[in-house]
N, C-alpha and C. Protein backbone atom coordinates (compact mmCIF):
# COMPACT_ATOMS: atom_id res chain seq x y z
N MET A 1 -11.40 -0.38 53.74
CA MET A 1 -10.42 -1.35 54.08
C MET A 1 -11.26 -2.96 54.28
N ASN A 2 -10.64 -4.16 53.90
CA ASN A 2 -10.77 -5.23 53.70
C ASN A 2 -10.72 -6.15 55.01
N ASP A 3 -11.77 -6.52 55.82
CA ASP A 3 -11.48 -6.94 56.91
C ASP A 3 -10.38 -8.52 57.19
N TYR A 4 -10.93 -9.18 55.66
CA TYR A 4 -10.15 -10.44 55.47
C TYR A 4 -9.05 -10.29 55.41
N GLY A 5 -7.98 -11.19 56.49
CA GLY A 5 -6.65 -11.35 56.12
C GLY A 5 -6.41 -11.83 54.74
N GLN A 6 -4.84 -11.65 54.47
CA GLN A 6 -4.32 -12.20 53.33
C GLN A 6 -2.79 -12.73 53.51
N LEU A 7 -2.54 -13.64 52.80
CA LEU A 7 -1.61 -14.36 52.86
C LEU A 7 -0.53 -13.33 52.28
N ILE A 8 0.94 -12.61 52.65
CA ILE A 8 1.33 -11.76 52.17
C ILE A 8 2.52 -12.57 51.57
N GLU A 9 2.72 -13.76 52.25
CA GLU A 9 4.03 -14.42 51.74
C GLU A 9 3.55 -16.08 52.56
N PRO A 10 4.29 -16.90 51.95
CA PRO A 10 4.08 -18.55 52.49
C PRO A 10 4.27 -18.11 53.89
N GLY A 11 3.07 -18.55 54.92
CA GLY A 11 3.36 -18.84 56.38
C GLY A 11 3.32 -17.62 56.88
N THR A 12 2.67 -16.54 56.01
CA THR A 12 2.58 -15.04 56.90
C THR A 12 0.95 -14.64 56.54
N LEU A 13 0.22 -14.21 57.64
CA LEU A 13 -0.99 -13.86 57.62
C LEU A 13 -0.96 -12.10 57.91
N ARG A 14 -1.53 -11.23 57.49
CA ARG A 14 -1.57 -10.00 57.52
C ARG A 14 -2.78 -9.27 57.29
N MET A 15 -3.69 -8.65 58.61
CA MET A 15 -4.77 -8.39 58.61
C MET A 15 -4.64 -6.94 59.29
N GLU A 16 -5.50 -6.27 58.56
CA GLU A 16 -5.58 -4.70 58.85
C GLU A 16 -6.63 -4.38 59.24
N ARG A 17 -6.92 -3.27 60.14
CA ARG A 17 -8.53 -3.02 60.61
C ARG A 17 -8.03 -1.20 60.50
N LEU A 18 -8.96 -0.71 60.73
CA LEU A 18 -9.23 1.07 61.49
C LEU A 18 -10.36 0.86 62.62
N LEU A 19 -9.71 0.88 63.68
CA LEU A 19 -10.51 0.91 64.74
C LEU A 19 -11.03 2.22 65.35
N PRO A 20 -12.27 2.08 65.84
CA PRO A 20 -12.65 3.33 66.32
C PRO A 20 -12.33 4.10 67.73
N ALA A 21 -11.00 4.48 68.00
CA ALA A 21 -10.55 4.66 69.38
C ALA A 21 -9.17 5.05 68.78
N PRO A 22 -8.59 6.59 70.03
CA PRO A 22 -7.33 6.80 69.75
C PRO A 22 -6.29 5.38 70.20
N ILE A 23 -5.05 5.83 69.53
CA ILE A 23 -4.00 4.72 69.79
C ILE A 23 -3.88 4.22 71.42
N GLU A 24 -3.76 5.24 72.20
CA GLU A 24 -3.55 5.22 73.38
C GLU A 24 -4.69 4.06 74.20
N ARG A 25 -5.81 4.24 73.74
CA ARG A 25 -6.80 3.40 74.11
C ARG A 25 -6.75 1.82 73.74
N VAL A 26 -6.38 1.61 72.30
CA VAL A 26 -6.21 0.74 71.26
C VAL A 26 -5.40 -0.21 72.18
N TRP A 27 -3.88 0.49 72.55
CA TRP A 27 -2.81 0.03 73.03
C TRP A 27 -3.12 -0.50 74.70
N ARG A 28 -3.98 -0.12 75.42
CA ARG A 28 -4.76 -0.57 76.49
C ARG A 28 -5.27 -1.80 76.60
N TYR A 29 -5.91 -1.79 75.44
CA TYR A 29 -6.68 -2.99 75.16
C TYR A 29 -5.79 -4.52 74.74
N LEU A 30 -4.42 -4.04 74.19
CA LEU A 30 -3.61 -4.98 73.88
C LEU A 30 -2.72 -5.64 75.20
N VAL A 31 -2.23 -4.79 76.07
CA VAL A 31 -1.52 -4.93 77.25
C VAL A 31 -2.13 -5.09 78.62
N GLU A 32 -3.36 -4.43 78.79
CA GLU A 32 -3.94 -4.59 80.11
C GLU A 32 -4.70 -6.08 80.01
N PRO A 33 -4.56 -6.79 80.78
CA PRO A 33 -5.09 -8.12 80.55
C PRO A 33 -6.53 -8.17 81.04
N ASP A 34 -7.03 -7.33 81.81
CA ASP A 34 -8.68 -7.39 82.25
C ASP A 34 -9.19 -6.59 80.89
N LYS A 35 -8.74 -5.83 80.43
CA LYS A 35 -9.09 -5.19 78.90
C LYS A 35 -9.08 -6.33 77.65
N ARG A 36 -7.89 -6.87 77.41
CA ARG A 36 -7.31 -7.97 76.65
C ARG A 36 -8.45 -8.70 76.71
N ALA A 37 -8.76 -9.65 77.95
CA ALA A 37 -9.64 -10.43 78.14
C ALA A 37 -10.88 -10.31 77.67
N ARG A 38 -11.47 -9.19 77.28
CA ARG A 38 -12.72 -9.25 76.76
C ARG A 38 -12.94 -8.87 75.26
N TRP A 39 -11.96 -9.39 74.69
CA TRP A 39 -11.65 -9.23 73.14
C TRP A 39 -10.75 -10.73 72.77
N LEU A 40 -9.90 -11.16 73.65
CA LEU A 40 -8.79 -12.08 73.11
C LEU A 40 -8.64 -13.11 74.07
N ALA A 41 -7.88 -12.55 75.37
CA ALA A 41 -7.44 -13.47 76.12
C ALA A 41 -6.66 -12.66 77.35
N GLY A 42 -7.19 -13.23 78.53
CA GLY A 42 -6.61 -12.07 79.85
C GLY A 42 -5.33 -13.00 80.50
N GLY A 43 -5.13 -13.08 81.43
CA GLY A 43 -3.69 -13.53 81.79
C GLY A 43 -2.76 -12.91 82.45
N THR A 44 -1.72 -12.71 81.85
CA THR A 44 -0.36 -11.55 82.48
C THR A 44 -0.23 -10.89 81.14
N MET A 45 0.94 -9.96 81.50
CA MET A 45 1.63 -9.47 80.38
C MET A 45 2.74 -8.72 80.60
N GLY A 46 3.88 -9.22 79.65
CA GLY A 46 5.38 -8.51 80.04
C GLY A 46 5.43 -7.28 79.83
N ALA A 47 6.34 -6.64 80.36
CA ALA A 47 6.49 -5.15 80.52
C ALA A 47 7.95 -5.08 79.21
N VAL A 48 8.79 -5.86 79.25
CA VAL A 48 9.86 -5.56 78.52
C VAL A 48 10.30 -6.87 77.49
N ALA A 49 10.85 -6.66 76.59
CA ALA A 49 11.55 -7.56 75.39
C ALA A 49 12.30 -9.14 76.61
N GLY A 50 11.48 -10.13 76.05
CA GLY A 50 12.38 -11.35 76.92
C GLY A 50 11.37 -11.53 77.90
N ASP A 51 10.46 -10.83 78.60
CA ASP A 51 9.37 -11.00 79.40
C ASP A 51 8.66 -12.39 78.88
N SER A 52 8.35 -13.59 79.82
CA SER A 52 7.54 -14.14 79.56
C SER A 52 6.07 -13.92 80.02
N PHE A 53 4.60 -14.15 79.69
CA PHE A 53 3.38 -13.87 80.17
C PHE A 53 2.44 -15.24 79.85
N GLU A 54 1.74 -15.25 80.39
CA GLU A 54 0.50 -16.09 79.81
C GLU A 54 -0.51 -15.58 79.43
N LEU A 55 -1.25 -16.19 78.48
CA LEU A 55 -2.52 -15.66 77.80
C LEU A 55 -3.46 -16.78 78.13
N HIS A 56 -4.51 -16.53 78.98
CA HIS A 56 -5.44 -17.16 79.43
C HIS A 56 -6.92 -17.13 78.58
N PHE A 57 -7.23 -17.91 77.54
CA PHE A 57 -8.03 -17.94 76.79
C PHE A 57 -9.53 -18.74 77.29
N GLU A 58 -10.60 -17.82 77.47
CA GLU A 58 -11.64 -18.28 77.92
C GLU A 58 -13.03 -18.10 77.06
N ASN A 59 -12.53 -18.55 75.71
CA ASN A 59 -13.83 -18.47 74.59
C ASN A 59 -15.07 -18.49 74.88
N ALA A 60 -15.07 -19.47 75.41
CA ALA A 60 -16.88 -19.61 76.08
C ALA A 60 -17.52 -18.43 76.77
N LYS A 61 -16.38 -17.50 77.48
CA LYS A 61 -17.21 -16.50 78.33
C LYS A 61 -17.13 -15.11 76.92
N LEU A 62 -16.73 -15.49 75.63
CA LEU A 62 -16.91 -14.35 74.68
C LEU A 62 -18.36 -14.49 73.82
N GLY A 63 -19.10 -15.64 74.43
CA GLY A 63 -20.19 -15.40 73.62
C GLY A 63 -20.53 -17.08 72.79
N GLY A 64 -21.62 -17.55 72.83
CA GLY A 64 -22.14 -18.57 72.09
C GLY A 64 -21.60 -19.64 72.71
N THR A 65 -21.96 -21.00 72.00
CA THR A 65 -21.56 -22.58 72.32
C THR A 65 -20.43 -22.61 71.17
N PRO A 66 -19.28 -23.29 71.95
CA PRO A 66 -18.24 -23.89 70.53
C PRO A 66 -18.58 -25.25 69.94
N PRO A 67 -18.84 -25.18 68.55
CA PRO A 67 -19.16 -26.13 67.87
C PRO A 67 -18.16 -27.70 68.20
N GLU A 68 -18.80 -28.63 67.87
CA GLU A 68 -18.09 -29.66 68.66
C GLU A 68 -16.41 -30.00 68.35
N ARG A 69 -15.50 -29.57 67.49
CA ARG A 69 -14.59 -29.73 67.34
C ARG A 69 -13.77 -28.80 68.11
N TYR A 70 -14.29 -27.72 68.83
CA TYR A 70 -13.79 -27.00 69.47
C TYR A 70 -14.13 -27.10 70.72
N ARG A 71 -14.76 -28.28 71.31
CA ARG A 71 -15.05 -28.62 72.77
C ARG A 71 -14.23 -28.57 74.04
N ASP A 72 -12.95 -28.64 73.55
CA ASP A 72 -12.41 -28.58 74.52
C ASP A 72 -11.34 -27.30 74.80
N TYR A 73 -12.06 -26.35 73.65
CA TYR A 73 -11.72 -25.31 74.40
C TYR A 73 -12.95 -23.92 74.72
N ASP A 74 -13.87 -25.05 75.48
CA ASP A 74 -15.09 -24.54 76.15
C ASP A 74 -14.86 -24.38 77.70
N ARG A 75 -13.41 -24.31 77.96
CA ARG A 75 -12.91 -24.12 79.33
C ARG A 75 -11.69 -23.43 79.07
N LEU A 76 -10.91 -22.95 79.97
CA LEU A 76 -9.54 -22.36 80.34
C LEU A 76 -8.72 -23.04 79.71
N HIS A 77 -8.17 -22.20 78.66
CA HIS A 77 -6.90 -22.71 77.83
C HIS A 77 -5.84 -21.42 78.28
N VAL A 78 -4.69 -22.09 78.85
CA VAL A 78 -3.53 -21.42 79.07
C VAL A 78 -2.37 -21.47 77.83
N GLN A 79 -1.87 -20.32 77.08
CA GLN A 79 -0.51 -20.51 76.66
C GLN A 79 0.49 -19.52 76.92
N THR A 80 1.74 -20.07 77.09
CA THR A 80 2.72 -19.17 77.68
C THR A 80 3.32 -18.42 76.40
N SER A 81 3.53 -17.26 76.41
CA SER A 81 4.18 -16.44 75.39
C SER A 81 5.12 -15.42 76.04
N ARG A 82 5.98 -15.08 74.99
CA ARG A 82 7.24 -14.01 75.62
C ARG A 82 6.92 -12.94 74.51
N VAL A 83 7.11 -11.66 75.29
CA VAL A 83 7.67 -10.42 74.39
C VAL A 83 8.73 -10.38 73.81
N ILE A 84 8.81 -10.13 72.55
CA ILE A 84 10.02 -10.10 71.46
C ILE A 84 10.33 -8.78 71.45
N ARG A 85 9.26 -7.53 71.43
CA ARG A 85 9.81 -6.09 70.87
C ARG A 85 8.33 -5.58 71.45
N ILE A 86 8.77 -4.42 72.42
CA ILE A 86 7.74 -3.58 72.83
C ILE A 86 8.02 -2.48 72.60
N GLU A 87 7.21 -1.53 72.22
CA GLU A 87 7.43 0.10 71.66
C GLU A 87 6.02 0.88 72.13
N ALA A 88 6.09 1.10 73.27
CA ALA A 88 4.30 1.48 73.49
C ALA A 88 4.53 3.15 73.14
N PRO A 89 3.12 3.60 72.39
CA PRO A 89 1.75 2.72 72.02
C PRO A 89 1.71 2.11 70.86
N ARG A 90 3.01 1.90 69.89
CA ARG A 90 3.05 1.66 68.48
C ARG A 90 3.20 0.16 68.30
N LEU A 91 4.00 -0.59 68.73
CA LEU A 91 4.32 -1.86 68.41
C LEU A 91 4.49 -3.04 69.49
N LEU A 92 3.96 -4.06 69.41
CA LEU A 92 3.88 -4.88 70.13
C LEU A 92 4.29 -6.35 69.29
N VAL A 93 5.52 -7.18 69.66
CA VAL A 93 5.71 -8.15 68.96
C VAL A 93 5.58 -9.55 69.89
N ILE A 94 4.97 -10.50 69.91
CA ILE A 94 4.95 -11.56 70.97
C ILE A 94 5.10 -12.79 70.16
N SER A 95 5.59 -13.88 70.86
CA SER A 95 5.86 -15.27 70.38
C SER A 95 4.48 -15.59 70.42
N TRP A 96 3.95 -16.78 69.92
CA TRP A 96 2.76 -17.33 69.95
C TRP A 96 3.09 -18.96 69.89
N SER A 97 2.52 -19.47 70.89
CA SER A 97 2.65 -21.09 71.27
C SER A 97 2.13 -21.79 70.22
N HIS A 98 2.22 -22.74 69.98
CA HIS A 98 1.37 -23.84 69.29
C HIS A 98 1.46 -25.41 69.97
N GLY A 99 1.28 -25.29 71.19
CA GLY A 99 1.36 -26.35 72.06
C GLY A 99 2.84 -27.02 72.19
N GLU A 100 3.28 -28.09 71.26
CA GLU A 100 4.55 -28.70 71.69
C GLU A 100 5.31 -28.08 70.66
N ARG A 101 4.61 -27.88 69.15
CA ARG A 101 5.41 -27.19 67.98
C ARG A 101 6.11 -25.83 68.57
N ASP A 102 7.23 -25.34 67.43
CA ASP A 102 7.80 -24.25 67.64
C ASP A 102 6.78 -22.97 67.82
N ALA A 103 6.99 -22.24 68.37
CA ALA A 103 6.11 -20.87 68.30
C ALA A 103 6.44 -20.13 67.22
N SER A 104 5.11 -19.50 66.74
CA SER A 104 5.08 -18.33 65.55
C SER A 104 5.18 -16.93 66.28
N GLU A 105 5.19 -15.91 65.51
CA GLU A 105 5.13 -14.88 66.04
C GLU A 105 3.98 -13.88 65.48
N VAL A 106 3.36 -13.02 66.30
CA VAL A 106 2.79 -12.01 66.20
C VAL A 106 3.01 -10.52 66.45
N SER A 107 2.75 -9.59 65.38
CA SER A 107 3.05 -8.40 65.57
C SER A 107 1.89 -7.42 65.63
N PHE A 108 1.96 -6.43 66.17
CA PHE A 108 0.57 -5.48 66.41
C PHE A 108 1.17 -4.28 66.12
N GLU A 109 1.09 -3.50 64.82
CA GLU A 109 1.50 -2.36 64.87
C GLU A 109 0.48 -1.07 64.52
N LEU A 110 0.34 -0.17 65.58
CA LEU A 110 -0.65 0.60 65.43
C LEU A 110 -0.09 2.03 65.29
N THR A 111 -1.21 2.58 64.38
CA THR A 111 -0.87 4.20 63.48
C THR A 111 -1.87 4.91 63.79
N PRO A 112 -1.83 6.17 64.44
CA PRO A 112 -2.95 6.97 64.87
C PRO A 112 -3.27 7.64 63.50
N ARG A 113 -4.70 7.58 63.31
CA ARG A 113 -5.30 8.26 61.97
C ARG A 113 -6.57 9.08 62.41
N ASP A 114 -6.43 10.24 63.04
CA ASP A 114 -7.03 11.35 63.86
C ASP A 114 -7.59 10.61 65.20
N ALA A 115 -9.17 10.62 65.14
CA ALA A 115 -9.22 9.97 66.54
C ALA A 115 -9.51 8.33 66.60
N GLN A 116 -9.17 7.86 65.20
CA GLN A 116 -8.65 6.17 65.12
C GLN A 116 -7.81 5.78 65.28
N THR A 117 -7.54 4.70 65.05
CA THR A 117 -6.10 3.63 64.98
C THR A 117 -6.33 2.81 64.03
N HIS A 118 -5.29 2.72 63.22
CA HIS A 118 -4.99 1.49 62.11
C HIS A 118 -4.10 0.80 63.12
N LEU A 119 -4.48 -0.52 62.61
CA LEU A 119 -3.90 -1.59 63.41
C LEU A 119 -3.35 -2.62 62.01
N ARG A 120 -2.36 -2.93 62.20
CA ARG A 120 -1.61 -4.06 61.07
C ARG A 120 -1.15 -5.52 61.97
N LEU A 121 -1.87 -6.20 61.98
CA LEU A 121 -1.71 -7.49 62.43
C LEU A 121 -0.60 -8.52 61.54
N THR A 122 0.38 -8.70 61.71
CA THR A 122 1.05 -9.85 61.22
C THR A 122 1.32 -10.93 61.77
N HIS A 123 1.02 -12.29 61.47
CA HIS A 123 1.38 -13.70 62.28
C HIS A 123 2.07 -14.48 61.34
N ARG A 124 3.44 -14.67 61.77
CA ARG A 124 4.62 -15.22 60.82
C ARG A 124 4.66 -16.35 61.37
N LEU A 125 5.25 -16.96 60.64
CA LEU A 125 5.77 -18.62 61.03
C LEU A 125 4.67 -19.61 61.08
N LEU A 126 3.76 -19.51 60.25
CA LEU A 126 2.74 -20.43 60.55
C LEU A 126 3.32 -21.66 59.55
N ALA A 127 3.22 -22.94 60.32
CA ALA A 127 4.07 -24.05 59.40
C ALA A 127 2.82 -24.83 58.48
N THR A 128 1.80 -24.80 58.46
CA THR A 128 0.64 -25.74 57.57
C THR A 128 -0.49 -24.72 57.58
N ARG A 129 -1.36 -25.02 56.40
CA ARG A 129 -2.31 -24.63 55.90
C ARG A 129 -3.30 -24.64 56.89
N GLY A 130 -3.54 -25.69 57.87
CA GLY A 130 -4.40 -25.94 59.08
C GLY A 130 -4.17 -24.91 60.28
N ASP A 131 -2.64 -24.24 60.50
CA ASP A 131 -2.49 -23.54 61.02
C ASP A 131 -3.23 -21.92 60.85
N THR A 132 -2.62 -21.87 59.50
CA THR A 132 -3.46 -20.52 58.86
C THR A 132 -4.71 -20.37 58.74
N LEU A 133 -5.48 -21.55 58.40
CA LEU A 133 -6.63 -21.44 58.90
C LEU A 133 -6.93 -21.42 60.09
N SER A 134 -6.43 -21.98 61.19
CA SER A 134 -7.28 -21.40 62.39
C SER A 134 -6.57 -20.04 62.98
N VAL A 135 -5.78 -19.67 62.72
CA VAL A 135 -5.00 -18.45 63.26
C VAL A 135 -6.08 -17.35 62.33
N SER A 136 -5.90 -17.61 61.09
CA SER A 136 -6.99 -16.38 60.09
C SER A 136 -8.49 -16.29 60.70
N GLY A 137 -9.25 -17.54 60.94
CA GLY A 137 -10.65 -17.37 61.68
C GLY A 137 -10.57 -16.79 63.16
N GLY A 138 -9.39 -17.17 64.04
CA GLY A 138 -9.48 -16.81 65.14
C GLY A 138 -9.02 -15.29 65.27
N TRP A 139 -8.11 -14.76 64.33
CA TRP A 139 -7.93 -13.72 64.67
C TRP A 139 -8.79 -12.39 64.08
N HIS A 140 -9.52 -12.91 62.96
CA HIS A 140 -10.70 -11.91 62.20
C HIS A 140 -11.70 -11.98 63.37
N THR A 141 -11.87 -13.05 63.66
CA THR A 141 -13.28 -13.18 64.82
C THR A 141 -12.65 -12.08 66.28
N HIS A 142 -11.62 -12.27 66.66
CA HIS A 142 -11.13 -11.91 67.94
C HIS A 142 -11.01 -10.37 67.79
N LEU A 143 -10.68 -9.60 66.41
CA LEU A 143 -10.58 -8.52 66.09
C LEU A 143 -11.86 -7.68 65.77
N ASP A 144 -12.66 -8.67 65.39
CA ASP A 144 -14.32 -8.14 65.44
C ASP A 144 -14.72 -8.00 66.62
N LEU A 145 -14.49 -8.68 67.41
CA LEU A 145 -15.01 -8.44 68.99
C LEU A 145 -14.35 -6.84 69.53
N LEU A 146 -12.88 -7.15 69.41
CA LEU A 146 -12.25 -5.61 69.76
C LEU A 146 -12.71 -4.27 68.92
N GLY A 147 -13.24 -4.51 67.84
CA GLY A 147 -13.90 -3.09 67.26
C GLY A 147 -15.28 -2.81 67.64
N ASP A 148 -15.60 -4.15 68.01
CA ASP A 148 -16.94 -3.96 68.55
C ASP A 148 -17.09 -3.23 70.08
N LEU A 149 -16.26 -3.38 70.85
CA LEU A 149 -15.91 -2.76 72.48
C LEU A 149 -15.28 -1.59 72.06
N LEU A 150 -14.54 -1.39 71.41
CA LEU A 150 -13.90 -0.05 70.99
C LEU A 150 -14.87 1.01 70.17
N ALA A 151 -15.95 0.60 69.74
CA ALA A 151 -16.91 1.44 69.21
C ALA A 151 -18.43 1.54 70.18
N GLY A 152 -18.16 0.81 71.36
CA GLY A 152 -19.30 0.94 72.53
C GLY A 152 -20.52 0.01 71.83
N ARG A 153 -20.21 -0.81 71.08
CA ARG A 153 -21.29 -2.01 70.64
C ARG A 153 -21.32 -3.45 71.76
N THR A 154 -22.39 -3.97 71.71
CA THR A 154 -22.30 -5.10 72.38
C THR A 154 -21.38 -5.82 71.50
N PRO A 155 -20.57 -6.83 71.74
CA PRO A 155 -19.35 -7.78 71.02
C PRO A 155 -20.53 -8.50 70.29
N ARG A 156 -20.30 -9.20 69.31
CA ARG A 156 -21.14 -10.25 68.60
C ARG A 156 -20.50 -11.78 69.17
N PRO A 157 -21.45 -12.51 69.00
CA PRO A 157 -20.93 -13.83 70.17
C PRO A 157 -19.81 -14.40 69.24
N PHE A 158 -18.97 -15.21 70.14
CA PHE A 158 -17.44 -15.36 69.36
C PHE A 158 -17.76 -16.69 68.69
N TRP A 159 -18.21 -17.76 69.22
CA TRP A 159 -18.33 -18.83 68.37
C TRP A 159 -19.13 -18.87 66.92
N THR A 160 -20.12 -18.11 66.79
CA THR A 160 -21.07 -18.20 65.86
C THR A 160 -20.51 -17.35 64.77
N THR A 161 -19.73 -15.94 65.05
CA THR A 161 -18.55 -15.29 64.35
C THR A 161 -17.71 -16.03 63.56
N LEU A 162 -17.08 -17.09 64.57
CA LEU A 162 -15.63 -17.67 64.11
C LEU A 162 -16.18 -18.75 63.09
N GLN A 163 -17.40 -19.43 63.15
CA GLN A 163 -17.73 -20.58 62.60
C GLN A 163 -17.71 -19.73 61.11
N THR A 164 -18.67 -18.77 60.83
CA THR A 164 -18.94 -18.00 59.47
C THR A 164 -17.44 -17.56 58.98
N VAL A 165 -17.02 -17.13 59.71
CA VAL A 165 -15.52 -16.84 59.03
C VAL A 165 -14.51 -17.37 58.88
N GLU A 166 -14.56 -18.80 59.51
CA GLU A 166 -13.61 -20.00 58.85
C GLU A 166 -13.97 -20.32 57.78
N ALA A 167 -15.16 -20.66 57.49
CA ALA A 167 -15.75 -21.25 56.26
C ALA A 167 -15.02 -20.37 54.94
N ALA A 168 -15.08 -18.95 55.19
CA ALA A 168 -14.82 -17.84 54.40
C ALA A 168 -13.36 -17.87 53.96
N TYR A 169 -12.69 -18.02 55.02
CA TYR A 169 -10.98 -18.47 54.86
C TYR A 169 -10.77 -19.81 54.23
N ASP A 170 -11.64 -20.50 54.55
CA ASP A 170 -11.32 -22.41 53.85
C ASP A 170 -11.68 -21.73 52.36
N LYS A 171 -12.23 -21.08 51.77
CA LYS A 171 -12.39 -20.58 50.34
C LYS A 171 -11.66 -19.63 50.03
N ARG A 172 -10.85 -18.76 50.85
CA ARG A 172 -9.82 -17.81 50.59
C ARG A 172 -8.65 -18.50 50.54
N ILE A 173 -8.14 -19.36 51.16
CA ILE A 173 -6.56 -19.46 51.02
C ILE A 173 -6.32 -20.90 50.46
N PRO A 174 -5.42 -20.77 49.71
CA PRO A 174 -5.47 -21.81 48.90
C PRO A 174 -5.01 -23.01 49.30
N ALA A 175 -5.10 -24.19 48.87
CA ALA A 175 -4.81 -25.59 49.65
C ALA A 175 -3.39 -25.87 49.09
């Protein structure tokens, strides 16, 4: 399975990973804020469709020093999102805020594969190539950290990994 995301249509990125844990454990890393904080963002979590929740991004805690263009992300960044659909432990669909712009949408689909879990992440409604590059590198890096945690490995440093994969996506995603 290729770890790199692919554009499946304009404005829609899809990533797939085979994660080294049963579906129930992977689900907890999606919806339990203390576990989610270790690979993506802490904050709160909604329980039913329509619930608002906050994602507290503290990427500095995920390892490394941010490059100059991400200096603003060296501190807490709070994003308000909303649960669109939730079917534990197989499907979570949330809104994804882009500041003042309209929200995009992220879906996490989980399928058990013996003692592992197939994750299909789809990020829809990406308005620009810049948005697509940003979320491609970000999701790739965050999913790498999730895989490390689930495998019992020390997670790789966030900022170093992000810089490497962003450069790769810049070449992979057409202008």
